[in-house]
N, C-alpha and C. Protein backbone atom coordinates (compact mmCIF):
# COMPACT_ATOMS: atom_id res chain seq x y z
N MET A 1 22.70 -90.47 92.37
CA MET A 1 22.13 -89.71 91.28
C MET A 1 22.31 -88.21 91.52
N ARG A 2 22.43 -87.79 92.77
CA ARG A 2 22.56 -86.37 93.08
C ARG A 2 23.89 -85.79 92.59
N LYS A 3 24.98 -86.55 92.68
CA LYS A 3 26.28 -86.03 92.27
C LYS A 3 26.33 -85.70 90.79
N PRO A 4 25.88 -86.56 89.86
CA PRO A 4 25.92 -86.19 88.44
C PRO A 4 25.05 -84.96 88.13
N ILE A 5 23.92 -84.80 88.82
CA ILE A 5 23.07 -83.64 88.58
C ILE A 5 23.77 -82.37 89.06
N SER A 6 24.44 -82.44 90.23
CA SER A 6 25.13 -81.26 90.74
C SER A 6 26.33 -80.92 89.85
N TYR A 7 27.04 -81.93 89.31
CA TYR A 7 28.13 -81.66 88.38
C TYR A 7 27.60 -81.02 87.11
N PHE A 8 26.52 -81.55 86.61
CA PHE A 8 25.92 -81.00 85.40
C PHE A 8 25.49 -79.54 85.62
N THR A 9 24.88 -79.27 86.76
CA THR A 9 24.43 -77.91 87.08
C THR A 9 25.62 -76.97 87.18
N THR A 10 26.69 -77.41 87.82
CA THR A 10 27.89 -76.60 87.96
C THR A 10 28.51 -76.30 86.60
N VAL A 11 28.62 -77.31 85.76
CA VAL A 11 29.19 -77.13 84.42
C VAL A 11 28.30 -76.21 83.59
N ALA A 12 27.00 -76.40 83.66
CA ALA A 12 26.07 -75.57 82.90
C ALA A 12 26.17 -74.10 83.35
N MET A 13 26.25 -73.87 84.65
CA MET A 13 26.38 -72.49 85.14
C MET A 13 27.71 -71.87 84.70
N PHE A 14 28.77 -72.66 84.72
CA PHE A 14 30.07 -72.18 84.28
C PHE A 14 30.04 -71.81 82.80
N VAL A 15 29.43 -72.65 81.98
CA VAL A 15 29.34 -72.37 80.53
C VAL A 15 28.52 -71.11 80.29
N VAL A 16 27.41 -70.96 80.99
CA VAL A 16 26.58 -69.76 80.82
C VAL A 16 27.35 -68.51 81.25
N LEU A 17 28.08 -68.60 82.35
CA LEU A 17 28.88 -67.47 82.83
C LEU A 17 29.96 -67.11 81.81
N MET A 18 30.63 -68.10 81.25
CA MET A 18 31.67 -67.84 80.26
C MET A 18 31.07 -67.21 78.99
N LEU A 19 29.91 -67.67 78.58
CA LEU A 19 29.26 -67.08 77.41
C LEU A 19 28.86 -65.63 77.68
N ALA A 20 28.38 -65.38 78.87
CA ALA A 20 27.97 -64.01 79.21
C ALA A 20 29.17 -63.08 79.27
N LEU A 21 30.28 -63.54 79.81
CA LEU A 21 31.47 -62.70 79.92
C LEU A 21 32.19 -62.51 78.60
N SER A 22 32.06 -63.47 77.69
CA SER A 22 32.76 -63.36 76.42
C SER A 22 31.91 -62.73 75.32
N ALA A 23 30.68 -62.38 75.62
CA ALA A 23 29.81 -61.75 74.62
C ALA A 23 30.35 -60.36 74.30
N PRO A 24 30.26 -59.96 73.05
CA PRO A 24 30.78 -58.64 72.68
C PRO A 24 29.99 -57.53 73.38
N VAL A 25 30.71 -56.52 73.79
CA VAL A 25 30.11 -55.39 74.48
C VAL A 25 29.64 -54.39 73.43
N ALA A 26 28.48 -53.84 73.63
CA ALA A 26 27.96 -52.85 72.69
C ALA A 26 28.86 -51.62 72.73
N GLN A 27 29.26 -51.16 71.55
CA GLN A 27 30.14 -50.01 71.47
C GLN A 27 29.31 -48.77 71.20
N ARG A 28 29.75 -47.68 71.79
CA ARG A 28 29.08 -46.41 71.54
C ARG A 28 29.55 -45.87 70.20
N SER A 29 28.61 -45.43 69.41
CA SER A 29 28.99 -44.88 68.12
C SER A 29 29.36 -43.41 68.29
N VAL A 30 30.31 -42.99 67.48
CA VAL A 30 30.77 -41.61 67.53
C VAL A 30 30.10 -40.87 66.39
N LYS A 31 29.49 -39.74 66.73
CA LYS A 31 28.84 -38.95 65.70
C LYS A 31 29.82 -37.93 65.15
N ALA A 32 29.96 -37.94 63.87
CA ALA A 32 30.85 -36.98 63.22
C ALA A 32 30.11 -35.67 63.02
N ASP A 33 30.76 -34.59 63.37
CA ASP A 33 30.10 -33.30 63.18
C ASP A 33 30.56 -32.62 61.89
N GLY A 34 31.35 -33.32 61.11
CA GLY A 34 31.72 -32.79 59.79
C GLY A 34 32.92 -31.88 59.82
N LYS A 35 33.55 -31.66 60.95
CA LYS A 35 34.69 -30.78 61.02
C LYS A 35 35.97 -31.59 61.09
N THR A 36 37.00 -31.08 60.45
CA THR A 36 38.30 -31.71 60.55
C THR A 36 38.95 -31.29 61.86
N LEU A 37 40.00 -31.99 62.23
CA LEU A 37 40.69 -31.64 63.47
C LEU A 37 41.28 -30.24 63.41
N GLN A 38 41.76 -29.83 62.23
CA GLN A 38 42.32 -28.49 62.11
C GLN A 38 41.24 -27.42 62.32
N GLU A 39 40.04 -27.66 61.81
CA GLU A 39 38.94 -26.72 62.03
C GLU A 39 38.56 -26.66 63.50
N LYS A 40 38.55 -27.82 64.17
CA LYS A 40 38.25 -27.85 65.60
C LYS A 40 39.33 -27.13 66.39
N CYS A 41 40.59 -27.31 65.98
CA CYS A 41 41.70 -26.63 66.63
C CYS A 41 41.55 -25.12 66.48
N ASP A 42 41.23 -24.68 65.28
CA ASP A 42 41.06 -23.24 65.02
C ASP A 42 39.89 -22.68 65.84
N ASP A 43 38.78 -23.40 65.87
CA ASP A 43 37.61 -22.95 66.64
C ASP A 43 37.94 -22.83 68.12
N CYS A 44 38.62 -23.83 68.65
CA CYS A 44 38.98 -23.82 70.06
C CYS A 44 39.92 -22.66 70.37
N THR A 45 40.88 -22.42 69.51
CA THR A 45 41.83 -21.33 69.72
C THR A 45 41.12 -19.98 69.66
N ILE A 46 40.20 -19.82 68.73
CA ILE A 46 39.45 -18.56 68.61
C ILE A 46 38.60 -18.34 69.85
N ARG A 47 37.90 -19.39 70.33
CA ARG A 47 37.10 -19.25 71.55
C ARG A 47 37.96 -18.90 72.75
N ASN A 48 39.13 -19.50 72.83
CA ASN A 48 40.04 -19.22 73.94
C ASN A 48 40.51 -17.77 73.89
N ASN A 49 40.84 -17.27 72.71
CA ASN A 49 41.26 -15.87 72.57
C ASN A 49 40.11 -14.92 72.93
N ASP A 50 38.90 -15.28 72.52
CA ASP A 50 37.73 -14.44 72.86
C ASP A 50 37.52 -14.37 74.37
N ARG A 51 37.69 -15.52 75.05
CA ARG A 51 37.54 -15.54 76.51
C ARG A 51 38.59 -14.66 77.18
N LEU A 52 39.82 -14.68 76.66
CA LEU A 52 40.87 -13.83 77.22
C LEU A 52 40.52 -12.36 77.03
N GLU A 53 40.07 -12.00 75.84
CA GLU A 53 39.71 -10.60 75.58
C GLU A 53 38.58 -10.15 76.50
N GLN A 54 37.58 -11.00 76.71
CA GLN A 54 36.48 -10.64 77.60
C GLN A 54 36.96 -10.47 79.04
N CYS A 55 37.80 -11.37 79.49
CA CYS A 55 38.31 -11.29 80.85
C CYS A 55 39.15 -10.03 81.05
N VAL A 56 40.02 -9.72 80.09
CA VAL A 56 40.85 -8.52 80.19
C VAL A 56 39.99 -7.27 80.13
N ALA A 57 38.93 -7.30 79.32
CA ALA A 57 38.05 -6.14 79.23
C ALA A 57 37.34 -5.89 80.56
N VAL A 58 36.99 -6.95 81.27
CA VAL A 58 36.28 -6.81 82.54
C VAL A 58 37.23 -6.49 83.69
N HIS A 59 38.34 -7.23 83.77
CA HIS A 59 39.21 -7.14 84.94
C HIS A 59 40.47 -6.30 84.74
N GLY A 60 40.82 -5.99 83.51
CA GLY A 60 42.03 -5.21 83.26
C GLY A 60 43.19 -6.07 82.85
N VAL A 61 44.23 -5.42 82.32
CA VAL A 61 45.38 -6.12 81.77
C VAL A 61 46.22 -6.80 82.85
N ASP A 62 46.21 -6.28 84.04
CA ASP A 62 47.06 -6.80 85.11
C ASP A 62 46.44 -7.95 85.89
N HIS A 63 45.30 -8.43 85.46
CA HIS A 63 44.60 -9.50 86.19
C HIS A 63 45.19 -10.86 85.77
N ILE A 64 46.05 -11.41 86.62
CA ILE A 64 46.80 -12.62 86.28
C ILE A 64 45.90 -13.84 86.05
N PRO A 65 44.79 -14.04 86.79
CA PRO A 65 43.95 -15.22 86.53
C PRO A 65 43.41 -15.29 85.09
N CYS A 66 43.28 -14.14 84.43
CA CYS A 66 42.86 -14.17 83.02
C CYS A 66 43.88 -14.93 82.19
N TYR A 67 45.15 -14.66 82.43
CA TYR A 67 46.22 -15.30 81.66
C TYR A 67 46.40 -16.76 82.07
N ASP A 68 46.13 -17.06 83.34
CA ASP A 68 46.17 -18.46 83.77
C ASP A 68 45.09 -19.27 83.05
N LYS A 69 43.87 -18.72 82.98
CA LYS A 69 42.79 -19.40 82.26
C LYS A 69 43.12 -19.53 80.78
N TYR A 70 43.73 -18.49 80.22
CA TYR A 70 44.13 -18.54 78.80
C TYR A 70 45.12 -19.67 78.58
N ASN A 71 46.11 -19.80 79.46
CA ASN A 71 47.11 -20.86 79.32
C ASN A 71 46.46 -22.24 79.45
N GLU A 72 45.52 -22.39 80.37
CA GLU A 72 44.79 -23.65 80.49
C GLU A 72 44.02 -23.96 79.21
N GLY A 73 43.43 -22.93 78.60
CA GLY A 73 42.71 -23.10 77.35
C GLY A 73 43.61 -23.54 76.21
N VAL A 74 44.81 -22.96 76.17
CA VAL A 74 45.78 -23.35 75.13
C VAL A 74 46.15 -24.82 75.28
N VAL A 75 46.40 -25.23 76.51
CA VAL A 75 46.75 -26.64 76.76
C VAL A 75 45.59 -27.54 76.35
N HIS A 76 44.36 -27.14 76.72
CA HIS A 76 43.18 -27.93 76.36
C HIS A 76 43.04 -28.06 74.84
N CYS A 77 43.16 -26.95 74.13
CA CYS A 77 43.01 -26.99 72.67
C CYS A 77 44.06 -27.89 72.03
N TYR A 78 45.30 -27.71 72.44
CA TYR A 78 46.36 -28.50 71.81
C TYR A 78 46.29 -29.96 72.19
N ARG A 79 45.91 -30.25 73.42
CA ARG A 79 45.83 -31.65 73.84
C ARG A 79 44.70 -32.37 73.11
N ASN A 80 43.56 -31.70 72.92
CA ASN A 80 42.38 -32.38 72.39
C ASN A 80 42.22 -32.27 70.89
N PHE A 81 42.75 -31.21 70.27
CA PHE A 81 42.46 -31.01 68.84
C PHE A 81 43.70 -30.78 68.00
N CYS A 82 44.60 -29.97 68.44
CA CYS A 82 45.69 -29.52 67.57
C CYS A 82 46.80 -30.53 67.39
N GLU A 83 47.03 -31.39 68.37
CA GLU A 83 48.13 -32.35 68.27
C GLU A 83 47.64 -33.77 68.06
N GLN A 84 46.55 -33.95 67.39
CA GLN A 84 46.02 -35.29 67.16
C GLN A 84 46.61 -35.91 65.93
């Protein structure tokens, strides 16, 4: 009598495990902020230009890290908003 009970228990655990693994995963909802991608691209580009102007105003025109940060900002804006 022990063998059929152990088989039943094994099968029941397997079925429960398969049901748990195949259950749909809750998806995170995305909140729309009402802006189009072009508006986001423009905003990002304007913020990046403002950061460059502030850095140049503080450190001077010859401060290369200002331009490195500016280039990183351009890549970020285009990767995330402008080329979607």
